[in-house]
Structures are given as C-alpha cells and as structure tokens.
C-alpha cells in the first residue's frame, strides 16, 4: 500500500501502527520542524521485523556547497530557499532518534548525486 499523507495523519488512523513491512521516508526529514518526533512516528509504522529507510542530507560543508548553494543558486535543481542547512541531519543524530524510537540495526550509506 502506498500512502501520500502526513505521517501524523496516518498515525491517527486506526490500525496503521506496526502494520508495514517497509516504510520509506525519503528526502523529507530535513524539512520537518521536529525531526526526532517525526522519526518516532515513522518507526512505529513498521512491523517489529520491518525495515525503515531514511534518505536525507548530511550536515557537512560539502552538503552546504552542493545540496544548498549549487542545487538552489547555481544549477537551479530546486527553488531557492528549499533547504535550510542548519536542518540537515547528521547520521549520528538520526541514529540516536531511531534508537530512542526502538529501532535497531542502523546502517548508514553515503550517496552522491550523479
């Protein structure tokens, strides 16, 4: 099942907690106001043996140069003002939030735009 809905709204629907084999939260974590709360909400959608996959921008100088300045102001890949570099997420922060929400077996992979 695919849902295009706010995580908080889906969480309020009866029977949705713990019912998904795979949950994808891609390229949005850096845009929410309370990422730790969002991670907790998302983690609760997965079955106990389910998989949750996050994709987000790491908060590094390289991501500032490419994910913010180049993507928005040089290449025009996304509208100017789309990203706030201070809201980019370090892997250690995401790992801490996932563990706090009961997640385990955290694996981190770096990707670059091709």
PDB file of N, CA and C in Angstrom:
ATOM      1  N   UNK A   1       0.840  -1.170   0.000  1.00  0.00           N
ATOM      2  CA  UNK A   1       0.000   0.000   0.000  1.00  0.00           C
ATOM      3  C   UNK A   1       0.882   1.230   0.000  1.00  0.00           C
ATOM      4  N   UNK A   2       0.536   2.201  -0.812  1.00  0.00           N
ATOM      5  CA  UNK A   2       1.268   3.464  -0.867  1.00  0.00           C
ATOM      6  C   UNK A   2       0.355   4.560  -0.350  1.00  0.00           C
ATOM      7  N   UNK A   3       0.854   5.356   0.586  1.00  0.00           N
ATOM      8  CA  UNK A   3       0.078   6.473   1.130  1.00  0.00           C
ATOM      9  C   UNK A   3       0.853   7.763   0.917  1.00  0.00           C
ATOM     10  N   UNK A   4       0.222   8.753   0.301  1.00  0.00           N
ATOM     11  CA  UNK A   4       0.783  10.104   0.217  1.00  0.00           C
ATOM     12  C   UNK A   4       0.009  10.937   1.225  1.00  0.00           C
ATOM     13  N   UNK A   5       0.465  10.906   2.465  1.00  0.00           N
ATOM     14  CA  UNK A   5      -0.262  11.519   3.572  1.00  0.00           C
ATOM     15  C   UNK A   5       0.749  11.928   4.639  1.00  0.00           C
ATOM     16  N   UNK A   6       0.423  12.938   5.400  1.00  0.00           N
ATOM     17  CA  UNK A   6       1.299  13.328   6.510  1.00  0.00           C
ATOM     18  C   UNK A   6       1.404  12.166   7.493  1.00  0.00           C
ATOM     19  N   UNK A   7       2.607  11.910   7.976  1.00  0.00           N
ATOM     20  CA  UNK A   7       2.822  10.793   8.902  1.00  0.00           C
ATOM     21  C   UNK A   7       1.932  10.906  10.127  1.00  0.00           C
ATOM     22  N   UNK A   8       1.777  12.110  10.632  1.00  0.00           N
ATOM     23  CA  UNK A   8       0.952  12.317  11.821  1.00  0.00           C
ATOM     24  C   UNK A   8      -0.509  11.976  11.547  1.00  0.00           C
ATOM     25  N   UNK A   9      -0.992  12.300  10.331  1.00  0.00           N
ATOM     26  CA  UNK A   9      -2.377  11.976   9.972  1.00  0.00           C
ATOM     27  C   UNK A   9      -2.556  10.468   9.830  1.00  0.00           C
ATOM     28  N   UNK A  10      -1.577   9.804   9.230  1.00  0.00           N
ATOM     29  CA  UNK A  10      -1.645   8.351   9.102  1.00  0.00           C
ATOM     30  C   UNK A  10      -1.593   7.687  10.471  1.00  0.00           C
ATOM     31  N   UNK A  11      -0.807   8.245  11.375  1.00  0.00           N
ATOM     32  CA  UNK A  11      -0.698   7.690  12.729  1.00  0.00           C
ATOM     33  C   UNK A  11      -2.031   7.741  13.464  1.00  0.00           C
ATOM     34  N   UNK A  12      -2.863   8.703  13.127  1.00  0.00           N
ATOM     35  CA  UNK A  12      -4.168   8.837  13.776  1.00  0.00           C
ATOM     36  C   UNK A  12      -5.217   7.877  13.229  1.00  0.00           C
ATOM     37  N   UNK A  13      -4.906   7.203  12.119  1.00  0.00           N
ATOM     38  CA  UNK A  13      -5.848   6.245  11.555  1.00  0.00           C
ATOM     39  C   UNK A  13      -5.714   4.916  12.289  1.00  0.00           C
ATOM     40  N   UNK A  14      -6.822   4.357  12.651  1.00  0.00           N
ATOM     41  CA  UNK A  14      -6.842   3.113  13.425  1.00  0.00           C
ATOM     42  C   UNK A  14      -6.187   1.974  12.643  1.00  0.00           C
ATOM     43  N   UNK A  15      -5.345   1.224  13.318  1.00  0.00           N
ATOM     44  CA  UNK A  15      -4.761   0.025  12.739  1.00  0.00           C
ATOM     45  C   UNK A  15      -3.525   0.226  11.889  1.00  0.00           C
ATOM     46  N   UNK A  16      -3.016   1.439  11.784  1.00  0.00           N
ATOM     47  CA  UNK A  16      -1.851   1.673  10.933  1.00  0.00           C
ATOM     48  C   UNK A  16      -0.530   1.417  11.652  1.00  0.00           C
ATOM     49  N   UNK A  17      -0.500   1.533  12.962  1.00  0.00           N
ATOM     50  CA  UNK A  17       0.737   1.336  13.707  1.00  0.00           C
ATOM     51  C   UNK A  17       1.205  -0.114  13.591  1.00  0.00           C
ATOM     52  N   UNK A  18       2.470  -0.302  13.293  1.00  0.00           N
ATOM     53  CA  UNK A  18       3.064  -1.631  13.237  1.00  0.00           C
ATOM     54  C   UNK A  18       2.530  -2.526  12.146  1.00  0.00           C
ATOM     55  N   UNK A  19       2.096  -1.954  11.028  1.00  0.00           N
ATOM     56  CA  UNK A  19       1.458  -2.783  10.007  1.00  0.00           C
ATOM     57  C   UNK A  19       2.206  -2.834   8.675  1.00  0.00           C
ATOM     58  N   UNK A  20       3.381  -2.232   8.576  1.00  0.00           N
ATOM     59  CA  UNK A  20       4.087  -2.173   7.293  1.00  0.00           C
ATOM     60  C   UNK A  20       5.407  -2.932   7.345  1.00  0.00           C
ATOM     61  N   UNK A  21       5.681  -3.681   6.272  1.00  0.00           N
ATOM     62  CA  UNK A  21       6.951  -4.393   6.139  1.00  0.00           C
ATOM     63  C   UNK A  21       8.095  -3.427   5.859  1.00  0.00           C
ATOM     64  N   UNK A  22       7.826  -2.421   5.027  1.00  0.00           N
ATOM     65  CA  UNK A  22       8.832  -1.430   4.645  1.00  0.00           C
ATOM     66  C   UNK A  22       8.208  -0.045   4.718  1.00  0.00           C
ATOM     67  N   UNK A  23       8.928   0.889   5.309  1.00  0.00           N
ATOM     68  CA  UNK A  23       8.496   2.288   5.375  1.00  0.00           C
ATOM     69  C   UNK A  23       9.623   3.138   4.794  1.00  0.00           C
ATOM     70  N   UNK A  24       9.286   3.994   3.829  1.00  0.00           N
ATOM     71  CA  UNK A  24      10.262   4.879   3.206  1.00  0.00           C
ATOM     72  C   UNK A  24      10.004   6.317   3.627  1.00  0.00           C
ATOM     73  N   UNK A  25      11.023   6.980   4.106  1.00  0.00           N
ATOM     74  CA  UNK A  25      10.956   8.409   4.439  1.00  0.00           C
ATOM     75  C   UNK A  25      12.127   9.061   3.710  1.00  0.00           C
ATOM     76  N   UNK A  26      11.875   9.477   2.483  1.00  0.00           N
ATOM     77  CA  UNK A  26      12.946   9.890   1.587  1.00  0.00           C
ATOM     78  C   UNK A  26      12.958  11.393   1.330  1.00  0.00           C
ATOM     79  N   UNK A  27      14.095  12.002   1.578  1.00  0.00           N
ATOM     80  CA  UNK A  27      14.340  13.411   1.268  1.00  0.00           C
ATOM     81  C   UNK A  27      13.308  14.355   1.865  1.00  0.00           C
ATOM     82  N   UNK A  28      12.915  14.087   3.100  1.00  0.00           N
ATOM     83  CA  UNK A  28      11.956  14.979   3.752  1.00  0.00           C
ATOM     84  C   UNK A  28      12.327  15.303   5.181  1.00  0.00           C
ATOM     85  N   UNK A  29      13.158  14.491   5.785  1.00  0.00           N
ATOM     86  CA  UNK A  29      13.494  14.672   7.198  1.00  0.00           C
ATOM     87  C   UNK A  29      14.092  16.052   7.479  1.00  0.00           C
ATOM     88  N   UNK A  30      14.862  16.568   6.524  1.00  0.00           N
ATOM     89  CA  UNK A  30      15.484  17.881   6.713  1.00  0.00           C
ATOM     90  C   UNK A  30      14.494  19.037   6.559  1.00  0.00           C
ATOM     91  N   UNK A  31      13.250  18.726   6.241  1.00  0.00           N
ATOM     92  CA  UNK A  31      12.233  19.763   6.047  1.00  0.00           C
ATOM     93  C   UNK A  31      11.207  19.833   7.181  1.00  0.00           C
ATOM     94  N   UNK A  32      11.227  18.896   8.109  1.00  0.00           N
ATOM     95  CA  UNK A  32      10.227  18.900   9.186  1.00  0.00           C
ATOM     96  C   UNK A  32      10.746  19.686  10.388  1.00  0.00           C
ATOM     97  N   UNK A  33       9.824  20.257  11.147  1.00  0.00           N
ATOM     98  CA  UNK A  33      10.204  21.100  12.287  1.00  0.00           C
ATOM     99  C   UNK A  33      10.783  20.308  13.456  1.00  0.00           C
ATOM    100  N   UNK A  34      10.260  19.123  13.703  1.00  0.00           N
ATOM    101  CA  UNK A  34      10.718  18.292  14.826  1.00  0.00           C
ATOM    102  C   UNK A  34      11.133  16.917  14.298  1.00  0.00           C
ATOM    103  N   UNK A  35      12.332  16.804  13.721  1.00  0.00           N
ATOM    104  CA  UNK A  35      12.718  15.537  13.105  1.00  0.00           C
ATOM    105  C   UNK A  35      12.741  14.355  14.068  1.00  0.00           C
ATOM    106  N   UNK A  36      13.098  14.568  15.329  1.00  0.00           N
ATOM    107  CA  UNK A  36      13.127  13.442  16.274  1.00  0.00           C
ATOM    108  C   UNK A  36      11.720  12.894  16.497  1.00  0.00           C
ATOM    109  N   UNK A  37      10.731  13.757  16.583  1.00  0.00           N
ATOM    110  CA  UNK A  37       9.340  13.311  16.744  1.00  0.00           C
ATOM    111  C   UNK A  37       8.844  12.624  15.479  1.00  0.00           C
ATOM    112  N   UNK A  38       9.247  13.140  14.318  1.00  0.00           N
ATOM    113  CA  UNK A  38       8.862  12.523  13.052  1.00  0.00           C
ATOM    114  C   UNK A  38       9.431  11.109  12.958  1.00  0.00           C
ATOM    115  N   UNK A  39      10.700  10.942  13.336  1.00  0.00           N
ATOM    116  CA  UNK A  39      11.327   9.616  13.307  1.00  0.00           C
ATOM    117  C   UNK A  39      10.568   8.661  14.213  1.00  0.00           C
ATOM    118  N   UNK A  40      10.187   9.103  15.390  1.00  0.00           N
ATOM    119  CA  UNK A  40       9.424   8.246  16.300  1.00  0.00           C
ATOM    120  C   UNK A  40       8.106   7.819  15.665  1.00  0.00           C
ATOM    121  N   UNK A  41       7.416   8.744  15.024  1.00  0.00           N
ATOM    122  CA  UNK A  41       6.151   8.426  14.354  1.00  0.00           C
ATOM    123  C   UNK A  41       6.369   7.409  13.246  1.00  0.00           C
ATOM    124  N   UNK A  42       7.377   7.646  12.411  1.00  0.00           N
ATOM    125  CA  UNK A  42       7.653   6.765  11.274  1.00  0.00           C
ATOM    126  C   UNK A  42       8.071   5.376  11.742  1.00  0.00           C
ATOM    127  N   UNK A  43       8.935   5.288  12.748  1.00  0.00           N
ATOM    128  CA  UNK A  43       9.385   3.985  13.248  1.00  0.00           C
ATOM    129  C   UNK A  43       8.203   3.125  13.693  1.00  0.00           C
ATOM    130  N   UNK A  44       7.191   3.741  14.238  1.00  0.00           N
ATOM    131  CA  UNK A  44       6.040   2.996  14.749  1.00  0.00           C
ATOM    132  C   UNK A  44       5.163   2.403  13.660  1.00  0.00           C
ATOM    133  N   UNK A  45       5.348   2.810  12.411  1.00  0.00           N
ATOM    134  CA  UNK A  45       4.562   2.233  11.319  1.00  0.00           C
ATOM    135  C   UNK A  45       5.072   0.849  10.916  1.00  0.00           C
ATOM    136  N   UNK A  46       6.348   0.580  11.148  1.00  0.00           N
ATOM    137  CA  UNK A  46       6.944  -0.681  10.715  1.00  0.00           C
ATOM    138  C   UNK A  46       6.569  -1.822  11.649  1.00  0.00           C
ATOM    139  N   UNK A  47       6.427  -3.005  11.047  1.00  0.00           N
ATOM    140  CA  UNK A  47       6.247  -4.214  11.847  1.00  0.00           C
ATOM    141  C   UNK A  47       7.502  -4.418  12.694  1.00  0.00           C
ATOM    142  N   UNK A  48       7.424  -5.236  13.752  1.00  0.00           N
ATOM    143  CA  UNK A  48       8.612  -5.461  14.592  1.00  0.00           C
ATOM    144  C   UNK A  48       9.845  -5.922  13.806  1.00  0.00           C
ATOM    145  N   UNK A  49       9.656  -6.686  12.744  1.00  0.00           N
ATOM    146  CA  UNK A  49      10.786  -7.123  11.917  1.00  0.00           C
ATOM    147  C   UNK A  49      10.845  -6.349  10.601  1.00  0.00           C
ATOM    148  N   UNK A  50      10.172  -5.195  10.553  1.00  0.00           N
ATOM    149  CA  UNK A  50      10.108  -4.388   9.339  1.00  0.00           C
ATOM    150  C   UNK A  50      11.355  -3.544   9.118  1.00  0.00           C
ATOM    151  N   UNK A  51      11.377  -2.901   7.977  1.00  0.00           N
ATOM    152  CA  UNK A  51      12.514  -2.091   7.557  1.00  0.00           C
ATOM    153  C   UNK A  51      12.060  -0.648   7.357  1.00  0.00           C
ATOM    154  N   UNK A  52      12.795   0.285   7.942  1.00  0.00           N
ATOM    155  CA  UNK A  52      12.538   1.707   7.734  1.00  0.00           C
ATOM    156  C   UNK A  52      13.766   2.296   7.056  1.00  0.00           C
ATOM    157  N   UNK A  53      13.548   2.976   5.936  1.00  0.00           N
ATOM    158  CA  UNK A  53      14.649   3.567   5.178  1.00  0.00           C
ATOM    159  C   UNK A  53      14.482   5.083   5.167  1.00  0.00           C
ATOM    160  N   UNK A  54      15.533   5.769   5.594  1.00  0.00           N
ATOM    161  CA  UNK A  54      15.564   7.230   5.577  1.00  0.00           C
ATOM    162  C   UNK A  54      16.601   7.682   4.554  1.00  0.00           C
ATOM    163  N   UNK A  55      16.301   8.751   3.869  1.00  0.00           N
ATOM    164  CA  UNK A  55      17.267   9.400   2.992  1.00  0.00           C
ATOM    165  C   UNK A  55      17.191  10.891   3.287  1.00  0.00           C
ATOM    166  N   UNK A  56      18.328  11.474   3.628  1.00  0.00           N
ATOM    167  CA  UNK A  56      18.350  12.890   3.989  1.00  0.00           C
ATOM    168  C   UNK A  56      19.738  13.454   3.732  1.00  0.00           C
ATOM    169  N   UNK A  57      19.848  14.756   3.761  1.00  0.00           N
ATOM    170  CA  UNK A  57      21.130  15.422   3.549  1.00  0.00           C
ATOM    171  C   UNK A  57      21.920  15.505   4.856  1.00  0.00           C
ATOM    172  N   UNK A  58      23.185  15.122   4.793  1.00  0.00           N
ATOM    173  CA  UNK A  58      24.083  15.214   5.938  1.00  0.00           C
ATOM    174  C   UNK A  58      24.508  16.675   6.119  1.00  0.00           C
ATOM    175  N   UNK A  59      24.661  17.105   7.344  1.00  0.00           N
ATOM    176  CA  UNK A  59      25.055  18.484   7.630  1.00  0.00           C
ATOM    177  C   UNK A  59      26.585  18.593   7.637  1.00  0.00           C
ATOM    178  N   UNK A  60      27.145  18.819   6.461  1.00  0.00           N
ATOM    179  CA  UNK A  60      28.588  18.998   6.283  1.00  0.00           C
ATOM    180  C   UNK A  60      28.817  20.232   5.411  1.00  0.00           C
ATOM    181  N   UNK A  61      30.056  20.688   5.350  1.00  0.00           N
ATOM    182  CA  UNK A  61      30.364  21.808   4.462  1.00  0.00           C
ATOM    183  C   UNK A  61      30.138  21.430   2.999  1.00  0.00           C
ATOM    184  N   UNK A  62      30.409  20.171   2.667  1.00  0.00           N
ATOM    185  CA  UNK A  62      30.178  19.705   1.300  1.00  0.00           C
ATOM    186  C   UNK A  62      28.688  19.765   0.954  1.00  0.00           C
ATOM    187  N   UNK A  63      27.833  19.380   1.894  1.00  0.00           N
ATOM    188  CA  UNK A  63      26.391  19.438   1.620  1.00  0.00           C
ATOM    189  C   UNK A  63      25.906  20.879   1.527  1.00  0.00           C
ATOM    190  N   UNK A  64      26.532  21.779   2.259  1.00  0.00           N
ATOM    191  CA  UNK A  64      26.194  23.203   2.136  1.00  0.00           C
ATOM    192  C   UNK A  64      26.538  23.684   0.730  1.00  0.00           C
ATOM    193  N   UNK A  65      27.722  23.308   0.259  1.00  0.00           N
ATOM    194  CA  UNK A  65      28.165  23.739  -1.066  1.00  0.00           C
ATOM    195  C   UNK A  65      27.321  23.144  -2.188  1.00  0.00           C
ATOM    196  N   UNK A  66      27.037  21.843  -2.104  1.00  0.00           N
ATOM    197  CA  UNK A  66      26.346  21.175  -3.205  1.00  0.00           C
ATOM    198  C   UNK A  66      24.839  21.057  -3.003  1.00  0.00           C
ATOM    199  N   UNK A  67      24.410  20.684  -1.795  1.00  0.00           N
ATOM    200  CA  UNK A  67      22.986  20.464  -1.534  1.00  0.00           C
ATOM    201  C   UNK A  67      22.190  21.733  -1.361  1.00  0.00           C
ATOM    202  N   UNK A  68      22.859  22.804  -1.005  1.00  0.00           N
ATOM    203  CA  UNK A  68      22.181  24.090  -0.794  1.00  0.00           C
ATOM    204  C   UNK A  68      22.568  25.087  -1.888  1.00  0.00           C
ATOM    205  N   UNK A  69      23.819  25.509  -1.893  1.00  0.00           N
ATOM    206  CA  UNK A  69      24.237  26.593  -2.791  1.00  0.00           C
ATOM    207  C   UNK A  69      24.168  26.176  -4.263  1.00  0.00           C
ATOM    208  N   UNK A  70      24.820  25.069  -4.618  1.00  0.00           N
ATOM    209  CA  UNK A  70      24.823  24.649  -6.025  1.00  0.00           C
ATOM    210  C   UNK A  70      23.430  24.241  -6.497  1.00  0.00           C
ATOM    211  N   UNK A  71      22.737  23.417  -5.706  1.00  0.00           N
ATOM    212  CA  UNK A  71      21.419  22.920  -6.125  1.00  0.00           C
ATOM    213  C   UNK A  71      20.396  24.037  -6.273  1.00  0.00           C
ATOM    214  N   UNK A  72      20.466  25.029  -5.396  1.00  0.00           N
ATOM    215  CA  UNK A  72      19.465  26.094  -5.412  1.00  0.00           C
ATOM    216  C   UNK A  72      19.874  27.293  -6.264  1.00  0.00           C
ATOM    217  N   UNK A  73      21.117  27.755  -6.116  1.00  0.00           N
ATOM    218  CA  UNK A  73      21.503  29.034  -6.707  1.00  0.00           C
ATOM    219  C   UNK A  73      22.308  28.919  -8.002  1.00  0.00           C
ATOM    220  N   UNK A  74      23.043  27.817  -8.184  1.00  0.00           N
ATOM    221  CA  UNK A  74      23.873  27.680  -9.378  1.00  0.00           C
ATOM    222  C   UNK A  74      23.176  26.846 -10.447  1.00  0.00           C
ATOM    223  N   UNK A  75      22.755  25.644 -10.083  1.00  0.00           N
ATOM    224  CA  UNK A  75      22.160  24.726 -11.054  1.00  0.00           C
ATOM    225  C   UNK A  75      20.645  24.858 -11.175  1.00  0.00           C
ATOM    226  N   UNK A  76      20.011  25.444 -10.176  1.00  0.00           N
ATOM    227  CA  UNK A  76      18.557  25.600 -10.214  1.00  0.00           C
ATOM    228  C   UNK A  76      17.796  24.283 -10.166  1.00  0.00           C
ATOM    229  N   UNK A  77      18.357  23.276  -9.501  1.00  0.00           N
ATOM    230  CA  UNK A  77      17.688  21.972  -9.410  1.00  0.00           C
ATOM    231  C   UNK A  77      16.435  22.029  -8.546  1.00  0.00           C
ATOM    232  N   UNK A  78      16.464  22.878  -7.536  1.00  0.00           N
ATOM    233  CA  UNK A  78      15.309  23.089  -6.656  1.00  0.00           C
ATOM    234  C   UNK A  78      15.171  24.595  -6.441  1.00  0.00           C
ATOM    235  N   UNK A  79      13.987  25.060  -6.082  1.00  0.00           N
ATOM    236  CA  UNK A  79      13.804  26.502  -5.877  1.00  0.00           C
ATOM    237  C   UNK A  79      14.694  27.045  -4.756  1.00  0.00           C
ATOM    238  N   UNK A  80      15.121  28.285  -4.909  1.00  0.00           N
ATOM    239  CA  UNK A  80      15.912  28.947  -3.874  1.00  0.00           C
ATOM    240  C   UNK A  80      15.122  28.977  -2.572  1.00  0.00           C
ATOM    241  N   UNK A  81      15.802  28.678  -1.478  1.00  0.00           N
ATOM    242  CA  UNK A  81      15.152  28.662  -0.175  1.00  0.00           C
ATOM    243  C   UNK A  81      14.546  27.326   0.206  1.00  0.00           C
ATOM    244  N   UNK A  82      14.689  26.315  -0.654  1.00  0.00           N
ATOM    245  CA  UNK A  82      14.137  24.989  -0.353  1.00  0.00           C
ATOM    246  C   UNK A  82      14.774  24.398   0.895  1.00  0.00           C
ATOM    247  N   UNK A  83      16.073  24.561   1.029  1.00  0.00           N
ATOM    248  CA  UNK A  83      16.796  23.939   2.136  1.00  0.00           C
ATOM    249  C   UNK A  83      17.313  24.957   3.139  1.00  0.00           C
ATOM    250  N   UNK A  84      17.335  24.534   4.386  1.00  0.00           N
ATOM    251  CA  UNK A  84      17.971  25.274   5.469  1.00  0.00           C
ATOM    252  C   UNK A  84      19.094  24.370   5.971  1.00  0.00           C
ATOM    253  N   UNK A  85      20.332  24.756   5.728  1.00  0.00           N
ATOM    254  CA  UNK A  85      21.467  23.893   6.051  1.00  0.00           C
ATOM    255  C   UNK A  85      21.488  23.485   7.517  1.00  0.00           C
ATOM    256  N   UNK A  86      21.036  24.349   8.415  1.00  0.00           N
ATOM    257  CA  UNK A  86      21.013  24.004   9.839  1.00  0.00           C
ATOM    258  C   UNK A  86      20.057  22.849  10.122  1.00  0.00           C
ATOM    259  N   UNK A  87      19.125  22.579   9.218  1.00  0.00           N
ATOM    260  CA  UNK A  87      18.179  21.476   9.405  1.00  0.00           C
ATOM    261  C   UNK A  87      18.659  20.173   8.764  1.00  0.00           C
ATOM    262  N   UNK A  88      19.792  20.188   8.090  1.00  0.00           N
ATOM    263  CA  UNK A  88      20.339  18.948   7.568  1.00  0.00           C
ATOM    264  C   UNK A  88      20.671  18.055   8.761  1.00  0.00           C
ATOM    265  N   UNK A  89      20.632  16.749   8.557  1.00  0.00           N
ATOM    266  CA  UNK A  89      20.710  15.781   9.654  1.00  0.00           C
ATOM    267  C   UNK A  89      22.027  15.010   9.610  1.00  0.00           C
ATOM    268  N   UNK A  90      22.756  15.031  10.696  1.00  0.00           N
ATOM    269  CA  UNK A  90      23.965  14.209  10.803  1.00  0.00           C
ATOM    270  C   UNK A  90      23.550  12.748  11.050  1.00  0.00           C
ATOM    271  N   UNK A  91      24.286  11.790  10.495  1.00  0.00           N
ATOM    272  CA  UNK A  91      23.961  10.382  10.727  1.00  0.00           C
ATOM    273  C   UNK A  91      23.873  10.024  12.208  1.00  0.00           C
ATOM    274  N   UNK A  92      24.729  10.612  13.025  1.00  0.00           N
ATOM    275  CA  UNK A  92      24.692  10.314  14.463  1.00  0.00           C
ATOM    276  C   UNK A  92      23.387  10.789  15.100  1.00  0.00           C
ATOM    277  N   UNK A  93      22.846  11.903  14.630  1.00  0.00           N
ATOM    278  CA  UNK A  93      21.562  12.396  15.143  1.00  0.00           C
ATOM    279  C   UNK A  93      20.438  11.446  14.762  1.00  0.00           C
ATOM    280  N   UNK A  94      20.410  11.054  13.489  1.00  0.00           N
ATOM    281  CA  UNK A  94      19.372  10.135  13.029  1.00  0.00           C
ATOM    282  C   UNK A  94      19.460   8.808  13.772  1.00  0.00           C
ATOM    283  N   UNK A  95      20.664   8.290  13.945  1.00  0.00           N
ATOM    284  CA  UNK A  95      20.839   7.026  14.664  1.00  0.00           C
ATOM    285  C   UNK A  95      20.321   7.134  16.098  1.00  0.00           C
ATOM    286  N   UNK A  96      20.606   8.239  16.762  1.00  0.00           N
ATOM    287  CA  UNK A  96      20.130   8.451  18.133  1.00  0.00           C
ATOM    288  C   UNK A  96      18.597   8.476  18.182  1.00  0.00           C
ATOM    289  N   UNK A  97      17.962   9.163  17.235  1.00  0.00           N
ATOM    290  CA  UNK A  97      16.498   9.247  17.207  1.00  0.00           C
ATOM    291  C   UNK A  97      15.868   7.890  16.903  1.00  0.00           C
ATOM    292  N   UNK A  98      16.484   7.131  15.989  1.00  0.00           N
ATOM    293  CA  UNK A  98      15.964   5.799  15.655  1.00  0.00           C
ATOM    294  C   UNK A  98      16.052   4.883  16.872  1.00  0.00           C
ATOM    295  N   UNK A  99      17.181   4.887  17.562  1.00  0.00           N
ATOM    296  CA  UNK A  99      17.329   4.056  18.765  1.00  0.00           C
ATOM    297  C   UNK A  99      16.332   4.475  19.840  1.00  0.00           C
ATOM    298  N   UNK A 100      16.133   5.768  20.020  1.00  0.00           N
ATOM    299  CA  UNK A 100      15.181   6.258  21.023  1.00  0.00           C
ATOM    300  C   UNK A 100      13.757   5.814  20.705  1.00  0.00           C
ATOM    301  N   UNK A 101      13.487   5.583  19.414  1.00  0.00           N
ATOM    302  CA  UNK A 101      12.156   5.141  18.994  1.00  0.00           C
ATOM    303  C   UNK A 101      12.044   3.621  18.955  1.00  0.00           C
ATOM    304  N   UNK A 102      13.081   2.915  19.407  1.00  0.00           N
ATOM    305  CA  UNK A 102      13.034   1.458  19.464  1.00  0.00           C
ATOM    306  C   UNK A 102      13.633   0.757  18.273  1.00  0.00           C
ATOM    307  N   UNK A 103      14.233   1.494  17.354  1.00  0.00           N
ATOM    308  CA  UNK A 103      14.852   0.884  16.183  1.00  0.00           C
ATOM    309  C   UNK A 103      16.219   0.310  16.511  1.00  0.00           C
ATOM    310  N   UNK A 104      16.659  -0.640  15.705  1.00  0.00           N
ATOM    311  CA  UNK A 104      17.967  -1.271  15.881  1.00  0.00           C
ATOM    312  C   UNK A 104      18.604  -1.494  14.517  1.00  0.00           C
ATOM    313  N   UNK A 105      19.796  -2.072  14.514  1.00  0.00           N
ATOM    314  CA  UNK A 105      20.499  -2.426  13.276  1.00  0.00           C
ATOM    315  C   UNK A 105      20.582  -1.257  12.306  1.00  0.00           C
ATOM    316  N   UNK A 106      21.102  -0.145  12.777  1.00  0.00           N
ATOM    317  CA  UNK A 106      21.211   1.058  11.964  1.00  0.00           C
ATOM    318  C   UNK A 106      22.413   0.927  11.035  1.00  0.00           C
ATOM    319  N   UNK A 107      22.170   1.120   9.742  1.00  0.00           N
ATOM    320  CA  UNK A 107      23.236   1.099   8.749  1.00  0.00           C
ATOM    321  C   UNK A 107      23.203   2.421   7.996  1.00  0.00           C
ATOM    322  N   UNK A 108      24.367   3.008   7.783  1.00  0.00           N
ATOM    323  CA  UNK A 108      24.465   4.292   7.098  1.00  0.00           C
ATOM    324  C   UNK A 108      25.243   4.112   5.804  1.00  0.00           C
ATOM    325  N   UNK A 109      24.699   4.664   4.728  1.00  0.00           N
ATOM    326  CA  UNK A 109      25.353   4.625   3.425  1.00  0.00           C
ATOM    327  C   UNK A 109      25.414   6.038   2.873  1.00  0.00           C
ATOM    328  N   UNK A 110      26.551   6.419   2.350  1.00  0.00           N
ATOM    329  CA  UNK A 110      26.677   7.722   1.718  1.00  0.00           C
ATOM    330  C   UNK A 110      26.396   7.619   0.231  1.00  0.00           C
ATOM    331  N   UNK A 111      25.671   8.577  -0.281  1.00  0.00           N
ATOM    332  CA  UNK A 111      25.361   8.639  -1.704  1.00  0.00           C
ATOM    333  C   UNK A 111      25.725  10.016  -2.223  1.00  0.00           C
ATOM    334  N   UNK A 112      26.055  10.094  -3.484  1.00  0.00           N
ATOM    335  CA  UNK A 112      26.314  11.385  -4.106  1.00  0.00           C
ATOM    336  C   UNK A 112      25.464  11.506  -5.360  1.00  0.00           C
ATOM    337  N   UNK A 113      25.097  12.726  -5.682  1.00  0.00           N
ATOM    338  CA  UNK A 113      24.290  12.985  -6.870  1.00  0.00           C
ATOM    339  C   UNK A 113      25.126  12.719  -8.103  1.00  0.00           C
ATOM    340  N   UNK A 114      24.554  11.994  -9.047  1.00  0.00           N
ATOM    341  CA  UNK A 114      25.277  11.653 -10.271  1.00  0.00           C
ATOM    342  C   UNK A 114      24.582  12.294 -11.458  1.00  0.00           C
TER     343      UNK A 114
END
